[in-house]
Amino acid sequence: MQKKVNFNFWKSLNIIWENFVKKLLSNPNELQVWQKVDRQGNIYWQAYDPVTGKSFSSGSQTDVCMWIEQLYRY
């Protein structure tokens, strides 16, 4: 039991560190796309364009790609 708790702690710490480094190195004006999982275990995609302030969310990766294409087409 102790090894599992120890492993989960280091795994969580590693995820936090990776997210911190990604934020530190990312361009604040760059389009952001990420995947999330809700409480029911459903996977969905979110996208945010800090330049326009627009965001989009969908369960379909294809829908998010189409939104991005439309966003930059006009």
N, C-alpha and C. Protein backbone atom coordinates (compact mmCIF):
# COMPACT_ATOMS: atom_id res chain seq x y z
N MET A 1 0.82 -1.20 0.00
CA MET A 1 0.00 0.00 0.00
C MET A 1 0.87 1.26 0.00
N GLN A 2 1.92 1.26 0.79
CA GLN A 2 2.81 2.42 0.88
C GLN A 2 3.45 2.72 -0.48
N LYS A 3 3.84 1.68 -1.22
CA LYS A 3 4.47 1.90 -2.52
C LYS A 3 3.49 2.54 -3.51
N LYS A 4 2.22 2.11 -3.46
CA LYS A 4 1.22 2.67 -4.37
C LYS A 4 0.97 4.14 -4.06
N VAL A 5 0.86 4.49 -2.79
CA VAL A 5 0.67 5.89 -2.40
C VAL A 5 1.87 6.71 -2.82
N ASN A 6 3.06 6.18 -2.61
CA ASN A 6 4.29 6.86 -2.99
C ASN A 6 4.34 7.07 -4.51
N PHE A 7 3.97 6.03 -5.27
CA PHE A 7 3.97 6.12 -6.73
C PHE A 7 2.98 7.17 -7.19
N ASN A 8 1.75 7.17 -6.63
CA ASN A 8 0.73 8.14 -7.02
C ASN A 8 1.17 9.57 -6.71
N PHE A 9 1.84 9.75 -5.59
CA PHE A 9 2.35 11.07 -5.23
C PHE A 9 3.34 11.57 -6.28
N TRP A 10 4.32 10.74 -6.65
CA TRP A 10 5.33 11.16 -7.61
C TRP A 10 4.74 11.34 -9.00
N LYS A 11 3.78 10.51 -9.34
CA LYS A 11 3.12 10.64 -10.64
C LYS A 11 2.36 11.98 -10.70
N SER A 12 1.63 12.30 -9.65
CA SER A 12 0.90 13.57 -9.58
C SER A 12 1.85 14.76 -9.62
N LEU A 13 2.93 14.67 -8.88
CA LEU A 13 3.92 15.74 -8.87
C LEU A 13 4.54 15.93 -10.25
N ASN A 14 4.78 14.84 -10.95
CA ASN A 14 5.34 14.92 -12.30
C ASN A 14 4.37 15.60 -13.26
N ILE A 15 3.09 15.28 -13.17
CA ILE A 15 2.08 15.90 -14.02
C ILE A 15 2.01 17.41 -13.75
N ILE A 16 2.04 17.79 -12.49
CA ILE A 16 2.02 19.21 -12.13
C ILE A 16 3.25 19.92 -12.71
N TRP A 17 4.40 19.31 -12.58
CA TRP A 17 5.65 19.88 -13.11
C TRP A 17 5.57 20.04 -14.62
N GLU A 18 5.10 19.01 -15.33
CA GLU A 18 5.00 19.08 -16.79
C GLU A 18 4.06 20.20 -17.22
N ASN A 19 2.94 20.35 -16.54
CA ASN A 19 2.00 21.42 -16.88
C ASN A 19 2.60 22.80 -16.61
N PHE A 20 3.36 22.92 -15.53
CA PHE A 20 4.02 24.18 -15.21
C PHE A 20 5.02 24.56 -16.30
N VAL A 21 5.83 23.60 -16.72
CA VAL A 21 6.84 23.86 -17.76
C VAL A 21 6.15 24.23 -19.08
N LYS A 22 5.08 23.52 -19.43
CA LYS A 22 4.35 23.84 -20.66
C LYS A 22 3.84 25.28 -20.64
N LYS A 23 3.26 25.68 -19.51
CA LYS A 23 2.74 27.05 -19.37
C LYS A 23 3.87 28.07 -19.47
N LEU A 24 4.99 27.76 -18.83
CA LEU A 24 6.13 28.66 -18.80
C LEU A 24 6.70 28.89 -20.20
N LEU A 25 6.73 27.84 -21.00
CA LEU A 25 7.35 27.93 -22.32
C LEU A 25 6.38 28.30 -23.44
N SER A 26 5.10 28.32 -23.16
CA SER A 26 4.12 28.57 -24.22
C SER A 26 3.98 30.06 -24.51
N ASN A 27 3.58 30.34 -25.72
CA ASN A 27 3.32 31.70 -26.16
C ASN A 27 1.90 32.06 -25.71
N PRO A 28 1.71 33.13 -24.95
CA PRO A 28 0.38 33.46 -24.42
C PRO A 28 -0.64 33.81 -25.51
N ASN A 29 -0.20 34.13 -26.71
CA ASN A 29 -1.11 34.48 -27.80
C ASN A 29 -1.39 33.30 -28.73
N GLU A 30 -0.82 32.15 -28.43
CA GLU A 30 -0.96 30.97 -29.27
C GLU A 30 -2.28 30.25 -28.99
N LEU A 31 -2.88 29.73 -30.04
CA LEU A 31 -4.10 28.94 -29.90
C LEU A 31 -3.85 27.77 -28.96
N GLN A 32 -4.78 27.53 -28.06
CA GLN A 32 -4.62 26.45 -27.09
C GLN A 32 -5.71 25.41 -27.31
N VAL A 33 -5.32 24.14 -27.38
CA VAL A 33 -6.26 23.04 -27.53
C VAL A 33 -5.87 21.97 -26.53
N TRP A 34 -6.87 21.46 -25.80
CA TRP A 34 -6.59 20.42 -24.83
C TRP A 34 -7.77 19.48 -24.71
N GLN A 35 -7.48 18.32 -24.17
CA GLN A 35 -8.49 17.29 -23.98
C GLN A 35 -8.83 17.21 -22.50
N LYS A 36 -10.12 17.04 -22.19
CA LYS A 36 -10.55 16.94 -20.80
C LYS A 36 -11.44 15.71 -20.63
N VAL A 37 -11.59 15.30 -19.39
CA VAL A 37 -12.48 14.20 -19.05
C VAL A 37 -13.42 14.70 -17.96
N ASP A 38 -14.73 14.55 -18.17
CA ASP A 38 -15.68 15.01 -17.16
C ASP A 38 -15.88 13.94 -16.08
N ARG A 39 -16.74 14.23 -15.14
CA ARG A 39 -16.95 13.32 -14.00
C ARG A 39 -17.50 11.96 -14.41
N GLN A 40 -18.20 11.91 -15.53
CA GLN A 40 -18.76 10.65 -16.00
C GLN A 40 -17.77 9.86 -16.85
N GLY A 41 -16.58 10.43 -17.07
CA GLY A 41 -15.56 9.75 -17.86
C GLY A 41 -15.63 10.05 -19.34
N ASN A 42 -16.50 10.98 -19.73
CA ASN A 42 -16.60 11.37 -21.14
C ASN A 42 -15.42 12.26 -21.52
N ILE A 43 -14.83 11.97 -22.65
CA ILE A 43 -13.69 12.75 -23.14
C ILE A 43 -14.20 13.80 -24.11
N TYR A 44 -13.72 15.02 -23.96
CA TYR A 44 -14.07 16.08 -24.88
C TYR A 44 -12.88 17.01 -25.09
N TRP A 45 -13.00 17.83 -26.12
CA TRP A 45 -11.93 18.74 -26.51
C TRP A 45 -12.35 20.18 -26.25
N GLN A 46 -11.38 20.99 -25.88
CA GLN A 46 -11.60 22.42 -25.70
C GLN A 46 -10.52 23.16 -26.48
N ALA A 47 -10.93 24.29 -27.04
CA ALA A 47 -9.99 25.15 -27.76
C ALA A 47 -10.25 26.59 -27.34
N TYR A 48 -9.17 27.37 -27.29
CA TYR A 48 -9.27 28.77 -26.90
C TYR A 48 -8.27 29.59 -27.69
N ASP A 49 -8.76 30.67 -28.27
CA ASP A 49 -7.90 31.60 -28.99
C ASP A 49 -7.78 32.88 -28.18
N PRO A 50 -6.64 33.11 -27.52
CA PRO A 50 -6.50 34.30 -26.67
C PRO A 50 -6.51 35.61 -27.45
N VAL A 51 -6.21 35.57 -28.73
CA VAL A 51 -6.19 36.79 -29.53
C VAL A 51 -7.61 37.31 -29.73
N THR A 52 -8.55 36.40 -30.05
CA THR A 52 -9.94 36.81 -30.29
C THR A 52 -10.81 36.66 -29.04
N GLY A 53 -10.35 35.88 -28.08
CA GLY A 53 -11.14 35.62 -26.88
C GLY A 53 -12.21 34.56 -27.09
N LYS A 54 -12.22 33.94 -28.25
CA LYS A 54 -13.23 32.93 -28.56
C LYS A 54 -12.78 31.56 -28.07
N SER A 55 -13.78 30.74 -27.70
CA SER A 55 -13.48 29.37 -27.28
C SER A 55 -14.53 28.43 -27.85
N PHE A 56 -14.20 27.15 -27.85
CA PHE A 56 -15.08 26.13 -28.41
C PHE A 56 -14.84 24.83 -27.66
N SER A 57 -15.91 24.05 -27.49
CA SER A 57 -15.82 22.77 -26.80
C SER A 57 -16.67 21.75 -27.54
N SER A 58 -16.15 20.54 -27.69
CA SER A 58 -16.90 19.49 -28.39
C SER A 58 -16.36 18.12 -28.01
N GLY A 59 -17.20 17.13 -28.15
CA GLY A 59 -16.78 15.75 -27.94
C GLY A 59 -16.06 15.19 -29.15
N SER A 60 -16.02 15.97 -30.21
CA SER A 60 -15.43 15.51 -31.47
C SER A 60 -14.17 16.32 -31.80
N GLN A 61 -13.09 15.62 -32.02
CA GLN A 61 -11.85 16.27 -32.43
C GLN A 61 -12.03 16.93 -33.79
N THR A 62 -12.81 16.30 -34.66
CA THR A 62 -13.07 16.84 -36.00
C THR A 62 -13.79 18.17 -35.91
N ASP A 63 -14.76 18.28 -35.01
CA ASP A 63 -15.48 19.55 -34.83
C ASP A 63 -14.54 20.67 -34.39
N VAL A 64 -13.63 20.35 -33.50
CA VAL A 64 -12.67 21.36 -33.02
C VAL A 64 -11.76 21.79 -34.17
N CYS A 65 -11.32 20.85 -34.98
CA CYS A 65 -10.48 21.19 -36.13
C CYS A 65 -11.23 22.09 -37.11
N MET A 66 -12.51 21.80 -37.34
CA MET A 66 -13.32 22.64 -38.24
C MET A 66 -13.49 24.04 -37.66
N TRP A 67 -13.69 24.14 -36.34
CA TRP A 67 -13.82 25.44 -35.70
C TRP A 67 -12.55 26.27 -35.88
N ILE A 68 -11.41 25.62 -35.71
CA ILE A 68 -10.13 26.31 -35.87
C ILE A 68 -9.96 26.80 -37.31
N GLU A 69 -10.30 25.95 -38.27
CA GLU A 69 -10.19 26.35 -39.68
C GLU A 69 -11.09 27.54 -39.98
N GLN A 70 -12.32 27.53 -39.46
CA GLN A 70 -13.24 28.65 -39.68
C GLN A 70 -12.75 29.92 -38.99
N LEU A 71 -12.17 29.75 -37.82
CA LEU A 71 -11.67 30.89 -37.06
C LEU A 71 -10.59 31.65 -37.83
N TYR A 72 -9.72 30.93 -38.52
CA TYR A 72 -8.60 31.56 -39.21
C TYR A 72 -8.88 31.79 -40.70
N ARG A 73 -10.00 31.32 -41.17
CA ARG A 73 -10.34 31.51 -42.59
C ARG A 73 -10.78 32.95 -42.85
N TYR A 74 -11.41 33.57 -41.88
CA TYR A 74 -11.99 34.91 -42.07
C TYR A 74 -11.22 35.97 -41.36
